[in-house]
């Protein structure tokens, strides 16, 4: 059975809002019917321009990837304060689950439009993987124009080596990544291509560092739905997973976007776009003296 984009969007909205409203209202609702009705009404609001501002900066994302179970992620970016209409202090929250593993990210950032077509930003994040309580921090810088973007993130492991089973250990890794990309076709500004490189430092003597290259392509299916496909190429095989693997993401952002005409106005809409970084903690795993590198969750 073929499922249309509208059906996917409607299903995502109904599912997410039902869960959210159930969690927040179940203690006060008089009946299950009240909870369901509230969820449906909130889902309808999300499809129209009168959706709350905070909801228009909130999204749900589903990712599928070779050899990994699907990942579901909720993300929101919200303003803290502005000194002028050309700068923004903000915070970002991410929560994801894959195969019952959950992880969370909290970030603070600042962006400033310094020219008609240039914006600089800086951000700091705290990452937490719930299963084995791994912790990590990061700091990032970015340069964003209407057509191109460049960013660098540096990651620092906070938690140390953890025994997670019999003769089984995990340790979060320090590392960094760099990405550049954006619109490459003058005839289609919506199609964007990004290239990135990542390196994470091995902690075991004699073990080579983890390195990978990635290419990803994004394209909006409509004003709310973003499709992303990509391919990751590891420098060598670090685990039982494929050395090279492909992925696809479908991201739905609530509310409706407003159109912009000038370059500066376009950049102002990016003051609250999500920070792009590696949200998952990279781990070095040791099982019976066999070492591998993997993602925390």
C-alpha atoms as a PDB file:
ATOM      1  CA  UNK A   1       0.000   0.000   0.000  1.00  0.00           C
ATOM      2  CA  UNK A   2       1.423   3.372  -1.008  1.00  0.00           C
ATOM      3  CA  UNK A   3       1.429   6.019   1.724  1.00  0.00           C
ATOM      4  CA  UNK A   4       1.374   9.674   0.722  1.00  0.00           C
ATOM      5  CA  UNK A   5       3.438  12.442   2.324  1.00  0.00           C
ATOM      6  CA  UNK A   6       0.266  13.917   3.855  1.00  0.00           C
ATOM      7  CA  UNK A   7      -0.589  10.589   5.465  1.00  0.00           C
ATOM      8  CA  UNK A   8       2.912  10.308   6.931  1.00  0.00           C
ATOM      9  CA  UNK A   9       2.706  13.841   8.300  1.00  0.00           C
ATOM     10  CA  UNK A  10      -0.743  13.270   9.795  1.00  0.00           C
ATOM     11  CA  UNK A  11       0.371  10.011  11.426  1.00  0.00           C
ATOM     12  CA  UNK A  12       3.473  11.658  12.907  1.00  0.00           C
ATOM     13  CA  UNK A  13       1.518  14.607  14.274  1.00  0.00           C
ATOM     14  CA  UNK A  14      -1.186  12.422  15.804  1.00  0.00           C
ATOM     15  CA  UNK A  15       1.320  10.030  17.398  1.00  0.00           C
ATOM     16  CA  UNK A  16       3.575  12.678  18.910  1.00  0.00           C
ATOM     17  CA  UNK A  17       0.828  14.927  20.186  1.00  0.00           C
ATOM     18  CA  UNK A  18      -1.085  12.004  21.673  1.00  0.00           C
ATOM     19  CA  UNK A  19       1.989  10.949  23.661  1.00  0.00           C
ATOM     20  CA  UNK A  20       2.783  14.501  24.758  1.00  0.00           C
ATOM     21  CA  UNK A  21      -0.726  15.336  25.862  1.00  0.00           C
ATOM     22  CA  UNK A  22      -1.162  11.984  27.579  1.00  0.00           C
ATOM     23  CA  UNK A  23       1.959  12.548  29.674  1.00  0.00           C
ATOM     24  CA  UNK A  24       1.045  16.102  30.663  1.00  0.00           C
ATOM     25  CA  UNK A  25      -2.706  15.698  31.108  1.00  0.00           C
ATOM     26  CA  UNK A  26      -3.349  12.140  32.273  1.00  0.00           C
ATOM     27  CA  UNK A  27      -3.275  13.193  35.930  1.00  0.00           C
ATOM     28  CA  UNK A  28      -6.021  15.793  35.492  1.00  0.00           C
ATOM     29  CA  UNK A  29      -8.170  14.455  32.656  1.00  0.00           C
ATOM     30  CA  UNK A  30     -11.603  13.208  33.643  1.00  0.00           C
ATOM     31  CA  UNK A  31     -11.557  10.448  31.069  1.00  0.00           C
ATOM     32  CA  UNK A  32      -9.573   8.922  28.254  1.00  0.00           C
ATOM     33  CA  UNK A  33     -11.842  10.788  25.841  1.00  0.00           C
ATOM     34  CA  UNK A  34     -10.669  14.131  27.237  1.00  0.00           C
ATOM     35  CA  UNK A  35      -7.047  13.186  26.660  1.00  0.00           C
ATOM     36  CA  UNK A  36      -7.681  12.034  23.103  1.00  0.00           C
ATOM     37  CA  UNK A  37      -9.668  15.161  22.233  1.00  0.00           C
ATOM     38  CA  UNK A  38      -6.924  17.423  23.567  1.00  0.00           C
ATOM     39  CA  UNK A  39      -4.333  15.527  21.529  1.00  0.00           C
ATOM     40  CA  UNK A  40      -6.374  15.816  18.336  1.00  0.00           C
ATOM     41  CA  UNK A  41      -6.967  19.538  18.832  1.00  0.00           C
ATOM     42  CA  UNK A  42      -3.283  20.197  19.463  1.00  0.00           C
ATOM     43  CA  UNK A  43      -2.372  18.178  16.380  1.00  0.00           C
ATOM     44  CA  UNK A  44      -4.744  20.276  14.266  1.00  0.00           C
ATOM     45  CA  UNK A  45      -3.251  23.506  15.606  1.00  0.00           C
ATOM     46  CA  UNK A  46       0.218  22.319  14.609  1.00  0.00           C
ATOM     47  CA  UNK A  47      -0.810  22.206  10.954  1.00  0.00           C
ATOM     48  CA  UNK A  48      -1.867  25.840  10.826  1.00  0.00           C
ATOM     49  CA  UNK A  49      -0.201  29.212  11.197  1.00  0.00           C
ATOM     50  CA  UNK A  50      -1.825  29.847  14.576  1.00  0.00           C
ATOM     51  CA  UNK A  51       0.231  27.083  16.178  1.00  0.00           C
ATOM     52  CA  UNK A  52       2.157  28.362  19.232  1.00  0.00           C
ATOM     53  CA  UNK A  53       5.555  29.865  18.415  1.00  0.00           C
ATOM     54  CA  UNK A  54       7.423  27.255  20.449  1.00  0.00           C
ATOM     55  CA  UNK A  55       5.741  24.454  18.521  1.00  0.00           C
ATOM     56  CA  UNK A  56       6.851  25.938  15.196  1.00  0.00           C
ATOM     57  CA  UNK A  57      10.434  25.409  16.382  1.00  0.00           C
ATOM     58  CA  UNK A  58       9.815  21.808  17.454  1.00  0.00           C
ATOM     59  CA  UNK A  59      10.235  18.742  15.247  1.00  0.00           C
ATOM     60  CA  UNK A  60      10.105  14.959  15.195  1.00  0.00           C
ATOM     61  CA  UNK A  61      12.566  12.920  13.131  1.00  0.00           C
ATOM     62  CA  UNK A  62      12.710   9.265  12.120  1.00  0.00           C
ATOM     63  CA  UNK A  63      15.998   7.791  10.848  1.00  0.00           C
ATOM     64  CA  UNK A  64      16.754   4.405   9.305  1.00  0.00           C
ATOM     65  CA  UNK A  65      20.294   3.181   8.693  1.00  0.00           C
ATOM     66  CA  UNK A  66      22.115   0.022   7.601  1.00  0.00           C
ATOM     67  CA  UNK A  67      22.548  -2.451  10.496  1.00  0.00           C
ATOM     68  CA  UNK A  68      20.869  -0.149  13.035  1.00  0.00           C
ATOM     69  CA  UNK A  69      17.333  -0.139  14.334  1.00  0.00           C
ATOM     70  CA  UNK A  70      15.267   2.995  13.577  1.00  0.00           C
ATOM     71  CA  UNK A  71      15.971   6.136  15.601  1.00  0.00           C
ATOM     72  CA  UNK A  72      13.207   8.501  16.707  1.00  0.00           C
ATOM     73  CA  UNK A  73      14.222  11.983  17.820  1.00  0.00           C
ATOM     74  CA  UNK A  74      12.410  15.011  19.228  1.00  0.00           C
ATOM     75  CA  UNK A  75      14.096  18.398  18.884  1.00  0.00           C
ATOM     76  CA  UNK A  76      13.237  21.934  19.917  1.00  0.00           C
ATOM     77  CA  UNK A  77      15.088  25.260  19.627  1.00  0.00           C
ATOM     78  CA  UNK A  78      13.784  28.187  21.666  1.00  0.00           C
ATOM     79  CA  UNK A  79      14.874  31.810  22.156  1.00  0.00           C
ATOM     80  CA  UNK A  80      16.302  33.160  25.409  1.00  0.00           C
ATOM     81  CA  UNK A  81      16.885  36.831  24.582  1.00  0.00           C
ATOM     82  CA  UNK A  82      17.943  39.289  21.869  1.00  0.00           C
ATOM     83  CA  UNK A  83      20.039  42.451  22.002  1.00  0.00           C
ATOM     84  CA  UNK A  84      18.727  43.403  18.558  1.00  0.00           C
ATOM     85  CA  UNK A  85      16.779  41.846  15.703  1.00  0.00           C
ATOM     86  CA  UNK A  86      20.086  40.600  14.234  1.00  0.00           C
ATOM     87  CA  UNK A  87      21.267  38.428  17.130  1.00  0.00           C
ATOM     88  CA  UNK A  88      19.871  35.672  19.322  1.00  0.00           C
ATOM     89  CA  UNK A  89      20.649  33.752  22.507  1.00  0.00           C
ATOM     90  CA  UNK A  90      18.891  30.385  22.424  1.00  0.00           C
ATOM     91  CA  UNK A  91      18.731  26.894  23.869  1.00  0.00           C
ATOM     92  CA  UNK A  92      18.284  23.552  22.128  1.00  0.00           C
ATOM     93  CA  UNK A  93      16.944  20.261  23.480  1.00  0.00           C
ATOM     94  CA  UNK A  94      17.215  16.869  21.789  1.00  0.00           C
ATOM     95  CA  UNK A  95      15.891  13.507  22.965  1.00  0.00           C
ATOM     96  CA  UNK A  96      16.209  10.289  21.009  1.00  0.00           C
ATOM     97  CA  UNK A  97      15.562   6.592  21.362  1.00  0.00           C
ATOM     98  CA  UNK A  98      16.846   3.607  19.420  1.00  0.00           C
ATOM     99  CA  UNK A  99      16.340  -0.012  20.434  1.00  0.00           C
ATOM    100  CA  UNK A 100      15.270   1.085  23.956  1.00  0.00           C
ATOM    101  CA  UNK A 101      18.466   3.160  24.354  1.00  0.00           C
ATOM    102  CA  UNK A 102      17.823   6.797  25.185  1.00  0.00           C
ATOM    103  CA  UNK A 103      20.073   9.852  25.030  1.00  0.00           C
ATOM    104  CA  UNK A 104      19.610  13.567  25.627  1.00  0.00           C
ATOM    105  CA  UNK A 105      21.351  16.801  24.639  1.00  0.00           C
ATOM    106  CA  UNK A 106      21.057  20.293  26.112  1.00  0.00           C
ATOM    107  CA  UNK A 107      22.738  23.193  24.334  1.00  0.00           C
ATOM    108  CA  UNK A 108      23.111  26.950  24.680  1.00  0.00           C
ATOM    109  CA  UNK A 109      24.028  29.117  21.712  1.00  0.00           C
ATOM    110  CA  UNK A 110      24.483  32.621  20.390  1.00  0.00           C
ATOM    111  CA  UNK A 111      24.220  33.827  16.775  1.00  0.00           C
ATOM    112  CA  UNK A 112      24.862  37.264  15.301  1.00  0.00           C
ATOM    113  CA  UNK A 113      24.265  38.589  11.775  1.00  0.00           C
ATOM    114  CA  UNK A 114      27.426  40.582  11.033  1.00  0.00           C
ATOM    115  CA  UNK A 115      26.754  41.427   7.358  1.00  0.00           C
ATOM    116  CA  UNK A 116      23.923  41.295   4.831  1.00  0.00           C
ATOM    117  CA  UNK A 117      24.722  37.670   4.010  1.00  0.00           C
ATOM    118  CA  UNK A 118      26.817  36.365   6.922  1.00  0.00           C
ATOM    119  CA  UNK A 119      26.020  35.112  10.399  1.00  0.00           C
ATOM    120  CA  UNK A 120      28.419  33.726  13.009  1.00  0.00           C
ATOM    121  CA  UNK A 121      27.506  31.478  15.900  1.00  0.00           C
ATOM    122  CA  UNK A 122      28.942  29.739  18.942  1.00  0.00           C
ATOM    123  CA  UNK A 123      27.376  26.984  21.043  1.00  0.00           C
ATOM    124  CA  UNK A 124      28.047  24.623  23.943  1.00  0.00           C
ATOM    125  CA  UNK A 125      26.320  21.294  24.621  1.00  0.00           C
ATOM    126  CA  UNK A 126      26.001  18.678  27.340  1.00  0.00           C
ATOM    127  CA  UNK A 127      25.284  15.104  26.161  1.00  0.00           C
ATOM    128  CA  UNK A 128      23.969  12.229  28.284  1.00  0.00           C
ATOM    129  CA  UNK A 129      23.422   8.572  27.362  1.00  0.00           C
ATOM    130  CA  UNK A 130      20.974   7.025  29.818  1.00  0.00           C
ATOM    131  CA  UNK A 131      21.750   3.309  29.518  1.00  0.00           C
ATOM    132  CA  UNK A 132      25.269   3.375  30.978  1.00  0.00           C
ATOM    133  CA  UNK A 133      25.328   7.029  32.064  1.00  0.00           C
ATOM    134  CA  UNK A 134      27.970   8.265  29.639  1.00  0.00           C
ATOM    135  CA  UNK A 135      28.503  12.042  29.627  1.00  0.00           C
ATOM    136  CA  UNK A 136      30.142  14.426  27.191  1.00  0.00           C
ATOM    137  CA  UNK A 137      30.415  18.150  26.485  1.00  0.00           C
ATOM    138  CA  UNK A 138      31.149  20.071  23.306  1.00  0.00           C
ATOM    139  CA  UNK A 139      31.795  23.535  21.968  1.00  0.00           C
ATOM    140  CA  UNK A 140      31.084  24.555  18.389  1.00  0.00           C
ATOM    141  CA  UNK A 141      31.440  27.497  16.039  1.00  0.00           C
ATOM    142  CA  UNK A 142      29.583  28.125  12.791  1.00  0.00           C
ATOM    143  CA  UNK A 143      29.431  30.509   9.841  1.00  0.00           C
ATOM    144  CA  UNK A 144      26.104  30.680   8.002  1.00  0.00           C
ATOM    145  CA  UNK A 145      25.022  32.534   4.871  1.00  0.00           C
ATOM    146  CA  UNK A 146      21.814  32.164   2.883  1.00  0.00           C
ATOM    147  CA  UNK A 147      23.390  29.575   0.589  1.00  0.00           C
ATOM    148  CA  UNK A 148      26.378  28.071   2.443  1.00  0.00           C
ATOM    149  CA  UNK A 149      27.222  26.862   5.944  1.00  0.00           C
ATOM    150  CA  UNK A 150      30.425  25.799   7.717  1.00  0.00           C
ATOM    151  CA  UNK A 151      30.847  24.493  11.255  1.00  0.00           C
ATOM    152  CA  UNK A 152      33.380  22.905  13.606  1.00  0.00           C
ATOM    153  CA  UNK A 153      32.546  20.994  16.805  1.00  0.00           C
ATOM    154  CA  UNK A 154      34.994  19.775  19.463  1.00  0.00           C
ATOM    155  CA  UNK A 155      33.843  17.034  21.876  1.00  0.00           C
ATOM    156  CA  UNK A 156      35.195  16.260  25.352  1.00  0.00           C
ATOM    157  CA  UNK A 157      34.328  13.084  27.279  1.00  0.00           C
ATOM    158  CA  UNK A 158      33.261  13.756  30.870  1.00  0.00           C
ATOM    159  CA  UNK A 159      32.552  10.232  32.098  1.00  0.00           C
ATOM    160  CA  UNK A 160      35.394   7.738  32.461  1.00  0.00           C
ATOM    161  CA  UNK A 161      35.729   4.041  31.732  1.00  0.00           C
ATOM    162  CA  UNK A 162      32.678   2.037  32.822  1.00  0.00           C
ATOM    163  CA  UNK A 163      32.253  -1.687  33.438  1.00  0.00           C
ATOM    164  CA  UNK A 164      28.918  -2.512  31.823  1.00  0.00           C
ATOM    165  CA  UNK A 165      29.076  -6.322  31.963  1.00  0.00           C
ATOM    166  CA  UNK A 166      31.296  -9.313  32.633  1.00  0.00           C
ATOM    167  CA  UNK A 167      34.670  -8.424  31.055  1.00  0.00           C
ATOM    168  CA  UNK A 168      32.852  -5.675  29.135  1.00  0.00           C
ATOM    169  CA  UNK A 169      33.857  -2.008  29.307  1.00  0.00           C
ATOM    170  CA  UNK A 170      32.834   1.247  27.606  1.00  0.00           C
ATOM    171  CA  UNK A 171      34.449   4.666  27.477  1.00  0.00           C
ATOM    172  CA  UNK A 172      33.314   7.909  25.844  1.00  0.00           C
ATOM    173  CA  UNK A 173      35.829   9.414  23.410  1.00  0.00           C
ATOM    174  CA  UNK A 174      37.130  12.918  22.755  1.00  0.00           C
ATOM    175  CA  UNK A 175      36.933  14.099  19.165  1.00  0.00           C
ATOM    176  CA  UNK A 176      36.013  16.738  16.631  1.00  0.00           C
ATOM    177  CA  UNK A 177      34.159  17.178  13.359  1.00  0.00           C
ATOM    178  CA  UNK A 178      33.971  19.726  10.566  1.00  0.00           C
ATOM    179  CA  UNK A 179      31.243  20.220   7.959  1.00  0.00           C
ATOM    180  CA  UNK A 180      30.732  22.497   4.970  1.00  0.00           C
ATOM    181  CA  UNK A 181      27.900  22.624   2.463  1.00  0.00           C
ATOM    182  CA  UNK A 182      24.690  24.233   1.322  1.00  0.00           C
ATOM    183  CA  UNK A 183      22.926  25.066  -1.926  1.00  0.00           C
ATOM    184  CA  UNK A 184      24.988  24.055  -4.955  1.00  0.00           C
ATOM    185  CA  UNK A 185      22.460  24.422  -7.770  1.00  0.00           C
ATOM    186  CA  UNK A 186      21.473  28.001  -8.704  1.00  0.00           C
ATOM    187  CA  UNK A 187      18.319  26.604 -10.279  1.00  0.00           C
ATOM    188  CA  UNK A 188      17.244  24.817  -7.077  1.00  0.00           C
ATOM    189  CA  UNK A 189      18.266  26.494  -3.815  1.00  0.00           C
ATOM    190  CA  UNK A 190      16.236  24.016  -1.769  1.00  0.00           C
ATOM    191  CA  UNK A 191      18.530  21.099  -2.629  1.00  0.00           C
ATOM    192  CA  UNK A 192      21.511  21.179  -0.261  1.00  0.00           C
ATOM    193  CA  UNK A 193      24.622  18.999  -0.051  1.00  0.00           C
ATOM    194  CA  UNK A 194      26.952  18.739   2.961  1.00  0.00           C
ATOM    195  CA  UNK A 195      30.374  17.107   3.359  1.00  0.00           C
ATOM    196  CA  UNK A 196      31.832  16.324   6.788  1.00  0.00           C
ATOM    197  CA  UNK A 197      34.824  14.669   8.443  1.00  0.00           C
ATOM    198  CA  UNK A 198      34.995  13.311  12.015  1.00  0.00           C
ATOM    199  CA  UNK A 199      37.820  12.016  14.201  1.00  0.00           C
ATOM    200  CA  UNK A 200      37.647  10.528  17.707  1.00  0.00           C
ATOM    201  CA  UNK A 201      40.704   9.652  19.795  1.00  0.00           C
ATOM    202  CA  UNK A 202      41.240   6.029  20.783  1.00  0.00           C
ATOM    203  CA  UNK A 203      42.063   5.518  24.469  1.00  0.00           C
ATOM    204  CA  UNK A 204      43.651   2.069  24.145  1.00  0.00           C
ATOM    205  CA  UNK A 205      47.366   2.071  23.339  1.00  0.00           C
ATOM    206  CA  UNK A 206      48.078   0.882  19.816  1.00  0.00           C
ATOM    207  CA  UNK A 207      44.500   1.359  18.690  1.00  0.00           C
ATOM    208  CA  UNK A 208      43.989   3.620  15.670  1.00  0.00           C
ATOM    209  CA  UNK A 209      41.687   6.616  16.043  1.00  0.00           C
ATOM    210  CA  UNK A 210      38.144   6.486  14.702  1.00  0.00           C
ATOM    211  CA  UNK A 211      37.710   8.515  11.505  1.00  0.00           C
ATOM    212  CA  UNK A 212      34.870   8.838   9.025  1.00  0.00           C
ATOM    213  CA  UNK A 213      33.702  10.940   6.089  1.00  0.00           C
ATOM    214  CA  UNK A 214      30.065  11.652   5.365  1.00  0.00           C
ATOM    215  CA  UNK A 215      27.991  13.149   2.579  1.00  0.00           C
ATOM    216  CA  UNK A 216      24.361  14.082   3.146  1.00  0.00           C
ATOM    217  CA  UNK A 217      21.692  15.671   0.969  1.00  0.00           C
ATOM    218  CA  UNK A 218      18.613  17.513   2.247  1.00  0.00           C
ATOM    219  CA  UNK A 219      15.479  18.470   0.349  1.00  0.00           C
ATOM    220  CA  UNK A 220      12.126  19.820   1.635  1.00  0.00           C
ATOM    221  CA  UNK A 221       9.124  17.744   0.581  1.00  0.00           C
ATOM    222  CA  UNK A 222       6.858  20.595   1.710  1.00  0.00           C
ATOM    223  CA  UNK A 223       6.954  23.528   4.140  1.00  0.00           C
ATOM    224  CA  UNK A 224       7.086  21.196   7.134  1.00  0.00           C
ATOM    225  CA  UNK A 225       8.728  17.965   5.982  1.00  0.00           C
ATOM    226  CA  UNK A 226      12.447  17.574   5.275  1.00  0.00           C
ATOM    227  CA  UNK A 227      13.974  14.508   3.627  1.00  0.00           C
ATOM    228  CA  UNK A 228      17.645  13.749   4.230  1.00  0.00           C
ATOM    229  CA  UNK A 229      19.697  10.918   2.737  1.00  0.00           C
ATOM    230  CA  UNK A 230      23.382  10.282   3.242  1.00  0.00           C
ATOM    231  CA  UNK A 231      26.317   7.908   3.262  1.00  0.00           C
ATOM    232  CA  UNK A 232      29.017   7.423   5.916  1.00  0.00           C
ATOM    233  CA  UNK A 233      32.440   6.031   4.996  1.00  0.00           C
ATOM    234  CA  UNK A 234      34.695   4.848   7.822  1.00  0.00           C
ATOM    235  CA  UNK A 235      38.458   4.896   7.316  1.00  0.00           C
ATOM    236  CA  UNK A 236      38.593   1.291   8.490  1.00  0.00           C
ATOM    237  CA  UNK A 237      36.187  -1.229   9.946  1.00  0.00           C
ATOM    238  CA  UNK A 238      35.857  -0.566  13.676  1.00  0.00           C
ATOM    239  CA  UNK A 239      33.138  -3.026  14.617  1.00  0.00           C
ATOM    240  CA  UNK A 240      30.803  -5.701  13.288  1.00  0.00           C
ATOM    241  CA  UNK A 241      28.843  -2.985  11.471  1.00  0.00           C
ATOM    242  CA  UNK A 242      29.458  -2.257   7.801  1.00  0.00           C
ATOM    243  CA  UNK A 243      32.451  -0.040   7.103  1.00  0.00           C
ATOM    244  CA  UNK A 244      30.292   2.022   4.721  1.00  0.00           C
ATOM    245  CA  UNK A 245      26.614   2.567   5.460  1.00  0.00           C
ATOM    246  CA  UNK A 246      23.724   4.634   4.142  1.00  0.00           C
ATOM    247  CA  UNK A 247      20.935   6.364   6.032  1.00  0.00           C
ATOM    248  CA  UNK A 248      17.690   8.249   5.453  1.00  0.00           C
ATOM    249  CA  UNK A 249      15.824  10.705   7.690  1.00  0.00           C
ATOM    250  CA  UNK A 250      12.343  12.182   7.577  1.00  0.00           C
ATOM    251  CA  UNK A 251      11.919  15.290   9.734  1.00  0.00           C
ATOM    252  CA  UNK A 252       8.614  17.014  10.410  1.00  0.00           C
ATOM    253  CA  UNK A 253       8.582  20.532  11.909  1.00  0.00           C
ATOM    254  CA  UNK A 254       5.304  21.751  13.398  1.00  0.00           C
ATOM    255  CA  UNK A 255       3.635  24.986  12.325  1.00  0.00           C
ATOM    256  CA  UNK A 256       4.130  26.795   9.022  1.00  0.00           C
ATOM    257  CA  UNK A 257       7.123  28.697   7.682  1.00  0.00           C
ATOM    258  CA  UNK A 258       6.912  32.302   6.537  1.00  0.00           C
ATOM    259  CA  UNK A 259       8.427  33.379   3.236  1.00  0.00           C
ATOM    260  CA  UNK A 260      11.307  35.893   3.120  1.00  0.00           C
ATOM    261  CA  UNK A 261      12.623  38.078   0.327  1.00  0.00           C
ATOM    262  CA  UNK A 262      15.779  39.915   1.427  1.00  0.00           C
ATOM    263  CA  UNK A 263      19.090  38.250   2.355  1.00  0.00           C
ATOM    264  CA  UNK A 264      19.078  39.702   5.868  1.00  0.00           C
ATOM    265  CA  UNK A 265      15.472  38.635   6.452  1.00  0.00           C
ATOM    266  CA  UNK A 266      16.413  35.140   5.295  1.00  0.00           C
ATOM    267  CA  UNK A 267      19.283  34.976   7.778  1.00  0.00           C
ATOM    268  CA  UNK A 268      16.990  36.092  10.586  1.00  0.00           C
ATOM    269  CA  UNK A 269      14.909  32.962  10.040  1.00  0.00           C
ATOM    270  CA  UNK A 270      18.125  30.971  10.630  1.00  0.00           C
ATOM    271  CA  UNK A 271      18.836  32.559  14.007  1.00  0.00           C
ATOM    272  CA  UNK A 272      16.833  29.720  15.550  1.00  0.00           C
ATOM    273  CA  UNK A 273      17.654  26.864  13.201  1.00  0.00           C
ATOM    274  CA  UNK A 274      18.945  23.714  14.991  1.00  0.00           C
ATOM    275  CA  UNK A 275      22.676  23.376  15.590  1.00  0.00           C
ATOM    276  CA  UNK A 276      24.140  20.604  13.425  1.00  0.00           C
ATOM    277  CA  UNK A 277      26.477  18.326  15.373  1.00  0.00           C
ATOM    278  CA  UNK A 278      27.008  14.688  16.338  1.00  0.00           C
ATOM    279  CA  UNK A 279      24.420  14.217  19.074  1.00  0.00           C
ATOM    280  CA  UNK A 280      25.285  10.578  19.805  1.00  0.00           C
ATOM    281  CA  UNK A 281      28.225   9.846  22.107  1.00  0.00           C
ATOM    282  CA  UNK A 282      30.998   7.840  20.424  1.00  0.00           C
ATOM    283  CA  UNK A 283      32.221   4.950  22.601  1.00  0.00           C
ATOM    284  CA  UNK A 284      35.202   2.632  22.661  1.00  0.00           C
ATOM    285  CA  UNK A 285      33.995  -0.815  23.715  1.00  0.00           C
ATOM    286  CA  UNK A 286      36.106  -3.670  25.078  1.00  0.00           C
ATOM    287  CA  UNK A 287      34.592  -7.155  25.266  1.00  0.00           C
ATOM    288  CA  UNK A 288      36.930  -9.988  26.289  1.00  0.00           C
ATOM    289  CA  UNK A 289      39.924  -7.933  25.072  1.00  0.00           C
ATOM    290  CA  UNK A 290      38.236  -7.262  21.708  1.00  0.00           C
ATOM    291  CA  UNK A 291      38.050  -3.518  21.045  1.00  0.00           C
ATOM    292  CA  UNK A 292      35.511  -1.731  18.852  1.00  0.00           C
ATOM    293  CA  UNK A 293      34.087   1.757  18.417  1.00  0.00           C
ATOM    294  CA  UNK A 294      30.352   2.441  18.342  1.00  0.00           C
ATOM    295  CA  UNK A 295      27.679   5.038  19.035  1.00  0.00           C
ATOM    296  CA  UNK A 296      26.256   5.268  22.544  1.00  0.00           C
ATOM    297  CA  UNK A 297      22.644   5.778  21.402  1.00  0.00           C
END
